């Protein structure tokens, strides 16, 4: 599905694509009535092969939308466009931690400040029983003031196909960062899987 500048999704007008991943494409859009920009995450049609996907996606979106922490990108809305689910999220002007690190590098103080904030966001989510399951530098956003935000919370869970054949065709999570139990197909994941991924990020930032 291709969206162009000026196309509308509900009350939102598409402005430009922000990024594309294995699960969704993200667009910057504008809500005229509220006079604010948002990020729209449109799921890839591949997941629609699973008959239970929409129900599961909506259920998980409700759970993630209840997370209220300054280090977690909030979800504003959920709907469908041409039968394809999408999320409307706060637009963060800036860049991913991955791009920032490659472009400018980071001091020890920067790393401590950013990852402490990220860890606090994860700890809060875990206290609510929500796992991220795909922590990596490209899922941490830095705004123009250098504040960190975790994005794509629960997206791997939303896209989890369970018994569907999709689960045999793709790995949910990023191989460099996922905990050992994830590729083993363990269904008993807990907060330690996110902590493991965060430790990998810390190691990578400290050693280059």
C-alpha atoms as a PDB file:
ATOM      1  CA  UNK A   1       0.000   0.000   0.000  1.00  0.00           C
ATOM      2  CA  UNK A   2       1.459   3.318  -1.099  1.00  0.00           C
ATOM      3  CA  UNK A   3       0.464   6.618   0.457  1.00  0.00           C
ATOM      4  CA  UNK A   4       1.408   9.944  -1.067  1.00  0.00           C
ATOM      5  CA  UNK A   5       1.705  13.444   0.311  1.00  0.00           C
ATOM      6  CA  UNK A   6      -1.780  14.928   0.608  1.00  0.00           C
ATOM      7  CA  UNK A   7      -3.588  11.587   1.023  1.00  0.00           C
ATOM      8  CA  UNK A   8      -5.944  11.438   3.979  1.00  0.00           C
ATOM      9  CA  UNK A   9      -6.397   8.738   6.614  1.00  0.00           C
ATOM     10  CA  UNK A  10      -9.383   9.599   8.743  1.00  0.00           C
ATOM     11  CA  UNK A  11      -8.785  13.104  10.081  1.00  0.00           C
ATOM     12  CA  UNK A  12      -5.078  12.992   9.230  1.00  0.00           C
ATOM     13  CA  UNK A  13      -3.317  14.309   6.125  1.00  0.00           C
ATOM     14  CA  UNK A  14      -0.165  12.469   5.078  1.00  0.00           C
ATOM     15  CA  UNK A  15       2.908  14.686   4.736  1.00  0.00           C
ATOM     16  CA  UNK A  16       5.960  12.459   4.361  1.00  0.00           C
ATOM     17  CA  UNK A  17       7.193   8.935   5.119  1.00  0.00           C
ATOM     18  CA  UNK A  18       9.384   8.724   8.227  1.00  0.00           C
ATOM     19  CA  UNK A  19      10.549   5.135   8.091  1.00  0.00           C
ATOM     20  CA  UNK A  20       9.784   1.572   7.179  1.00  0.00           C
ATOM     21  CA  UNK A  21      10.369  -1.567   9.220  1.00  0.00           C
ATOM     22  CA  UNK A  22       9.504  -5.230   9.107  1.00  0.00           C
ATOM     23  CA  UNK A  23       6.080  -4.667  10.650  1.00  0.00           C
ATOM     24  CA  UNK A  24       4.911  -1.243   9.561  1.00  0.00           C
ATOM     25  CA  UNK A  25       5.534   1.940   7.606  1.00  0.00           C
ATOM     26  CA  UNK A  26       5.528   5.231   9.515  1.00  0.00           C
ATOM     27  CA  UNK A  27       4.293   8.527   8.092  1.00  0.00           C
ATOM     28  CA  UNK A  28       4.330  12.045   9.465  1.00  0.00           C
ATOM     29  CA  UNK A  29       0.802  13.442   9.222  1.00  0.00           C
ATOM     30  CA  UNK A  30      -1.156  16.529  10.215  1.00  0.00           C
ATOM     31  CA  UNK A  31      -4.414  16.802  12.156  1.00  0.00           C
ATOM     32  CA  UNK A  32      -5.925  20.096  11.047  1.00  0.00           C
ATOM     33  CA  UNK A  33      -8.608  20.466  13.722  1.00  0.00           C
ATOM     34  CA  UNK A  34      -6.116  19.976  16.554  1.00  0.00           C
ATOM     35  CA  UNK A  35      -3.336  21.741  14.638  1.00  0.00           C
ATOM     36  CA  UNK A  36      -0.712  19.151  15.504  1.00  0.00           C
ATOM     37  CA  UNK A  37       1.542  16.703  13.746  1.00  0.00           C
ATOM     38  CA  UNK A  38       1.406  13.003  14.509  1.00  0.00           C
ATOM     39  CA  UNK A  39       3.159   9.820  13.461  1.00  0.00           C
ATOM     40  CA  UNK A  40       0.968   7.206  11.777  1.00  0.00           C
ATOM     41  CA  UNK A  41       2.184   3.622  11.878  1.00  0.00           C
ATOM     42  CA  UNK A  42       0.448   1.588   9.155  1.00  0.00           C
ATOM     43  CA  UNK A  43       0.846  -2.166   9.480  1.00  0.00           C
ATOM     44  CA  UNK A  44       2.048  -4.151   6.490  1.00  0.00           C
ATOM     45  CA  UNK A  45      -0.662  -6.133   4.640  1.00  0.00           C
ATOM     46  CA  UNK A  46       1.283  -9.371   5.253  1.00  0.00           C
ATOM     47  CA  UNK A  47      -0.225  -9.649   8.711  1.00  0.00           C
ATOM     48  CA  UNK A  48      -3.766  -9.604   7.337  1.00  0.00           C
ATOM     49  CA  UNK A  49      -3.267 -13.242   6.317  1.00  0.00           C
ATOM     50  CA  UNK A  50      -4.002 -14.079   9.940  1.00  0.00           C
ATOM     51  CA  UNK A  51      -7.763 -14.092  10.508  1.00  0.00           C
ATOM     52  CA  UNK A  52      -7.376 -13.149  14.177  1.00  0.00           C
ATOM     53  CA  UNK A  53      -4.878 -10.355  13.573  1.00  0.00           C
ATOM     54  CA  UNK A  54      -7.249  -7.372  13.790  1.00  0.00           C
ATOM     55  CA  UNK A  55      -8.803  -8.536  17.041  1.00  0.00           C
ATOM     56  CA  UNK A  56      -5.406  -9.212  18.618  1.00  0.00           C
ATOM     57  CA  UNK A  57      -3.925  -5.955  17.299  1.00  0.00           C
ATOM     58  CA  UNK A  58      -6.788  -3.913  18.719  1.00  0.00           C
ATOM     59  CA  UNK A  59      -6.575  -5.672  22.073  1.00  0.00           C
ATOM     60  CA  UNK A  60      -2.832  -5.111  22.379  1.00  0.00           C
ATOM     61  CA  UNK A  61      -3.151  -1.505  21.166  1.00  0.00           C
ATOM     62  CA  UNK A  62      -5.562  -0.805  24.026  1.00  0.00           C
ATOM     63  CA  UNK A  63      -3.058  -2.185  26.521  1.00  0.00           C
ATOM     64  CA  UNK A  64      -0.150  -0.130  25.182  1.00  0.00           C
ATOM     65  CA  UNK A  65      -2.313   3.004  24.921  1.00  0.00           C
ATOM     66  CA  UNK A  66      -2.760   2.883  28.698  1.00  0.00           C
ATOM     67  CA  UNK A  67       0.967   3.342  29.286  1.00  0.00           C
ATOM     68  CA  UNK A  68       1.523   6.874  30.552  1.00  0.00           C
ATOM     69  CA  UNK A  69       5.193   7.616  31.076  1.00  0.00           C
ATOM     70  CA  UNK A  70       7.313  10.510  29.869  1.00  0.00           C
ATOM     71  CA  UNK A  71       9.808   8.106  28.269  1.00  0.00           C
ATOM     72  CA  UNK A  72       7.215   6.198  26.224  1.00  0.00           C
ATOM     73  CA  UNK A  73       5.773   7.565  22.972  1.00  0.00           C
ATOM     74  CA  UNK A  74       2.011   7.810  23.629  1.00  0.00           C
ATOM     75  CA  UNK A  75      -0.643   6.332  21.358  1.00  0.00           C
ATOM     76  CA  UNK A  76      -3.409   8.780  20.439  1.00  0.00           C
ATOM     77  CA  UNK A  77      -5.676   6.688  18.247  1.00  0.00           C
ATOM     78  CA  UNK A  78      -6.300   3.349  16.540  1.00  0.00           C
ATOM     79  CA  UNK A  79      -8.280   2.716  13.356  1.00  0.00           C
ATOM     80  CA  UNK A  80      -8.174   1.000   9.967  1.00  0.00           C
ATOM     81  CA  UNK A  81      -7.444   2.294   6.466  1.00  0.00           C
ATOM     82  CA  UNK A  82      -8.579   0.085   3.588  1.00  0.00           C
ATOM     83  CA  UNK A  83      -8.926  -2.748   6.116  1.00  0.00           C
ATOM     84  CA  UNK A  84      -5.352  -2.241   7.325  1.00  0.00           C
ATOM     85  CA  UNK A  85      -4.842  -1.340  11.022  1.00  0.00           C
ATOM     86  CA  UNK A  86      -2.871   1.736  11.966  1.00  0.00           C
ATOM     87  CA  UNK A  87      -1.797   3.528  15.114  1.00  0.00           C
ATOM     88  CA  UNK A  88      -1.615   7.285  15.605  1.00  0.00           C
ATOM     89  CA  UNK A  89       1.226   8.298  17.897  1.00  0.00           C
ATOM     90  CA  UNK A  90       2.958  11.415  19.125  1.00  0.00           C
ATOM     91  CA  UNK A  91       5.368  12.764  16.532  1.00  0.00           C
ATOM     92  CA  UNK A  92       8.894  13.119  17.909  1.00  0.00           C
ATOM     93  CA  UNK A  93      11.020  15.581  15.939  1.00  0.00           C
ATOM     94  CA  UNK A  94      14.571  14.328  16.057  1.00  0.00           C
ATOM     95  CA  UNK A  95      16.313  11.070  15.217  1.00  0.00           C
ATOM     96  CA  UNK A  96      16.748   7.541  16.474  1.00  0.00           C
ATOM     97  CA  UNK A  97      19.431   6.680  18.997  1.00  0.00           C
ATOM     98  CA  UNK A  98      21.058   4.593  16.275  1.00  0.00           C
ATOM     99  CA  UNK A  99      21.370   7.540  13.866  1.00  0.00           C
ATOM    100  CA  UNK A 100      22.446   9.907  16.631  1.00  0.00           C
ATOM    101  CA  UNK A 101      25.226   7.576  17.777  1.00  0.00           C
ATOM    102  CA  UNK A 102      26.514   7.052  14.241  1.00  0.00           C
ATOM    103  CA  UNK A 103      26.307  10.742  13.356  1.00  0.00           C
ATOM    104  CA  UNK A 104      27.623  12.470  16.473  1.00  0.00           C
ATOM    105  CA  UNK A 105      28.838   9.845  18.928  1.00  0.00           C
ATOM    106  CA  UNK A 106      28.010  10.012  22.636  1.00  0.00           C
ATOM    107  CA  UNK A 107      29.774  10.768  25.887  1.00  0.00           C
ATOM    108  CA  UNK A 108      29.546   8.505  28.925  1.00  0.00           C
ATOM    109  CA  UNK A 109      27.316  11.146  30.531  1.00  0.00           C
ATOM    110  CA  UNK A 110      24.978  11.121  27.516  1.00  0.00           C
ATOM    111  CA  UNK A 111      24.739   7.343  27.590  1.00  0.00           C
ATOM    112  CA  UNK A 112      24.003   7.301  31.324  1.00  0.00           C
ATOM    113  CA  UNK A 113      21.339  10.005  31.026  1.00  0.00           C
ATOM    114  CA  UNK A 114      19.574   8.485  28.025  1.00  0.00           C
ATOM    115  CA  UNK A 115      19.616   4.851  29.117  1.00  0.00           C
ATOM    116  CA  UNK A 116      18.585   5.727  32.671  1.00  0.00           C
ATOM    117  CA  UNK A 117      15.476   7.373  31.238  1.00  0.00           C
ATOM    118  CA  UNK A 118      14.842   4.412  28.932  1.00  0.00           C
ATOM    119  CA  UNK A 119      15.284   1.975  31.832  1.00  0.00           C
ATOM    120  CA  UNK A 120      12.765   3.945  33.888  1.00  0.00           C
ATOM    121  CA  UNK A 121      10.269   3.728  31.032  1.00  0.00           C
ATOM    122  CA  UNK A 122      10.799  -0.012  30.707  1.00  0.00           C
ATOM    123  CA  UNK A 123      10.497  -0.506  34.461  1.00  0.00           C
ATOM    124  CA  UNK A 124       7.182   1.346  34.437  1.00  0.00           C
ATOM    125  CA  UNK A 125       5.841  -0.724  31.544  1.00  0.00           C
ATOM    126  CA  UNK A 126       6.948  -3.945  33.209  1.00  0.00           C
ATOM    127  CA  UNK A 127       5.128  -2.893  36.381  1.00  0.00           C
ATOM    128  CA  UNK A 128       1.989  -2.771  34.213  1.00  0.00           C
ATOM    129  CA  UNK A 129       2.680  -6.200  32.791  1.00  0.00           C
ATOM    130  CA  UNK A 130       3.704  -4.944  29.331  1.00  0.00           C
ATOM    131  CA  UNK A 131       6.869  -6.094  27.536  1.00  0.00           C
ATOM    132  CA  UNK A 132       8.498  -4.331  24.615  1.00  0.00           C
ATOM    133  CA  UNK A 133      10.087  -7.431  23.034  1.00  0.00           C
ATOM    134  CA  UNK A 134      12.035  -5.520  20.397  1.00  0.00           C
ATOM    135  CA  UNK A 135      14.323  -3.096  22.229  1.00  0.00           C
ATOM    136  CA  UNK A 136      17.053  -1.745  19.932  1.00  0.00           C
ATOM    137  CA  UNK A 137      18.670   1.648  19.192  1.00  0.00           C
ATOM    138  CA  UNK A 138      16.301   2.338  16.298  1.00  0.00           C
ATOM    139  CA  UNK A 139      13.325   2.008  18.667  1.00  0.00           C
ATOM    140  CA  UNK A 140      14.655   4.754  20.931  1.00  0.00           C
ATOM    141  CA  UNK A 141      13.963   8.267  19.675  1.00  0.00           C
ATOM    142  CA  UNK A 142      15.801  11.418  20.723  1.00  0.00           C
ATOM    143  CA  UNK A 143      14.001  14.741  20.338  1.00  0.00           C
ATOM    144  CA  UNK A 144      15.707  18.022  19.546  1.00  0.00           C
ATOM    145  CA  UNK A 145      16.378  18.564  23.277  1.00  0.00           C
ATOM    146  CA  UNK A 146      18.051  15.173  23.620  1.00  0.00           C
ATOM    147  CA  UNK A 147      15.187  13.588  25.563  1.00  0.00           C
ATOM    148  CA  UNK A 148      14.743   9.855  24.931  1.00  0.00           C
ATOM    149  CA  UNK A 149      11.481   8.114  24.061  1.00  0.00           C
ATOM    150  CA  UNK A 150      10.770   4.417  23.616  1.00  0.00           C
ATOM    151  CA  UNK A 151       8.676   3.687  20.552  1.00  0.00           C
ATOM    152  CA  UNK A 152       7.032   0.567  19.106  1.00  0.00           C
ATOM    153  CA  UNK A 153       6.019  -0.641  22.555  1.00  0.00           C
ATOM    154  CA  UNK A 154       4.236  -3.951  22.205  1.00  0.00           C
ATOM    155  CA  UNK A 155       4.311  -3.885  18.402  1.00  0.00           C
ATOM    156  CA  UNK A 156       6.008  -7.273  18.260  1.00  0.00           C
ATOM    157  CA  UNK A 157       3.260  -8.620  20.500  1.00  0.00           C
ATOM    158  CA  UNK A 158       0.588  -7.035  18.323  1.00  0.00           C
ATOM    159  CA  UNK A 159       2.088  -8.667  15.253  1.00  0.00           C
ATOM    160  CA  UNK A 160       2.677 -12.028  16.929  1.00  0.00           C
ATOM    161  CA  UNK A 161       0.873 -14.513  14.711  1.00  0.00           C
ATOM    162  CA  UNK A 162       0.648 -17.245  17.334  1.00  0.00           C
ATOM    163  CA  UNK A 163      -0.280 -20.423  15.483  1.00  0.00           C
ATOM    164  CA  UNK A 164      -0.452 -18.634  12.135  1.00  0.00           C
ATOM    165  CA  UNK A 165       2.002 -19.517   9.381  1.00  0.00           C
ATOM    166  CA  UNK A 166       3.361 -15.975   9.587  1.00  0.00           C
ATOM    167  CA  UNK A 167       5.253 -16.949  12.717  1.00  0.00           C
ATOM    168  CA  UNK A 168       7.186 -19.524  10.680  1.00  0.00           C
ATOM    169  CA  UNK A 169       8.150 -17.027   7.998  1.00  0.00           C
ATOM    170  CA  UNK A 170       9.526 -14.199  10.124  1.00  0.00           C
ATOM    171  CA  UNK A 171      11.333 -13.586  13.389  1.00  0.00           C
ATOM    172  CA  UNK A 172       9.600 -11.183  15.754  1.00  0.00           C
ATOM    173  CA  UNK A 173      12.379  -9.092  17.160  1.00  0.00           C
ATOM    174  CA  UNK A 174      15.822  -8.083  15.923  1.00  0.00           C
ATOM    175  CA  UNK A 175      18.456 -10.874  16.020  1.00  0.00           C
ATOM    176  CA  UNK A 176      21.301  -8.670  17.308  1.00  0.00           C
ATOM    177  CA  UNK A 177      19.323  -7.601  20.369  1.00  0.00           C
ATOM    178  CA  UNK A 178      16.748 -10.249  21.278  1.00  0.00           C
ATOM    179  CA  UNK A 179      17.220 -12.459  24.300  1.00  0.00           C
ATOM    180  CA  UNK A 180      18.144 -16.148  23.747  1.00  0.00           C
ATOM    181  CA  UNK A 181      14.693 -17.372  24.748  1.00  0.00           C
ATOM    182  CA  UNK A 182      12.928 -15.403  22.006  1.00  0.00           C
ATOM    183  CA  UNK A 183      14.211 -17.326  18.946  1.00  0.00           C
ATOM    184  CA  UNK A 184      13.592 -20.526  20.881  1.00  0.00           C
ATOM    185  CA  UNK A 185       9.890 -19.702  20.685  1.00  0.00           C
ATOM    186  CA  UNK A 186       9.379 -19.427  24.432  1.00  0.00           C
ATOM    187  CA  UNK A 187       5.893 -18.196  25.368  1.00  0.00           C
ATOM    188  CA  UNK A 188       6.938 -17.496  28.974  1.00  0.00           C
ATOM    189  CA  UNK A 189       8.774 -14.245  28.370  1.00  0.00           C
ATOM    190  CA  UNK A 190       9.097 -11.765  31.217  1.00  0.00           C
ATOM    191  CA  UNK A 191      10.808  -8.452  31.904  1.00  0.00           C
ATOM    192  CA  UNK A 192      14.250 -10.057  31.703  1.00  0.00           C
ATOM    193  CA  UNK A 193      13.970 -10.282  27.917  1.00  0.00           C
ATOM    194  CA  UNK A 194      13.833  -6.459  27.678  1.00  0.00           C
ATOM    195  CA  UNK A 195      16.577  -6.040  30.274  1.00  0.00           C
ATOM    196  CA  UNK A 196      18.830  -8.323  28.201  1.00  0.00           C
ATOM    197  CA  UNK A 197      18.216  -6.207  25.086  1.00  0.00           C
ATOM    198  CA  UNK A 198      18.871  -2.991  26.993  1.00  0.00           C
ATOM    199  CA  UNK A 199      22.186  -4.424  28.216  1.00  0.00           C
ATOM    200  CA  UNK A 200      23.185  -5.172  24.616  1.00  0.00           C
ATOM    201  CA  UNK A 201      22.397  -1.546  23.700  1.00  0.00           C
ATOM    202  CA  UNK A 202      24.472  -0.310  26.639  1.00  0.00           C
ATOM    203  CA  UNK A 203      27.406  -2.512  25.631  1.00  0.00           C
ATOM    204  CA  UNK A 204      27.202  -1.338  22.026  1.00  0.00           C
ATOM    205  CA  UNK A 205      27.108   2.354  22.994  1.00  0.00           C
ATOM    206  CA  UNK A 206      30.052   1.997  25.412  1.00  0.00           C
ATOM    207  CA  UNK A 207      32.288   0.001  23.070  1.00  0.00           C
ATOM    208  CA  UNK A 208      31.235   1.363  19.690  1.00  0.00           C
END
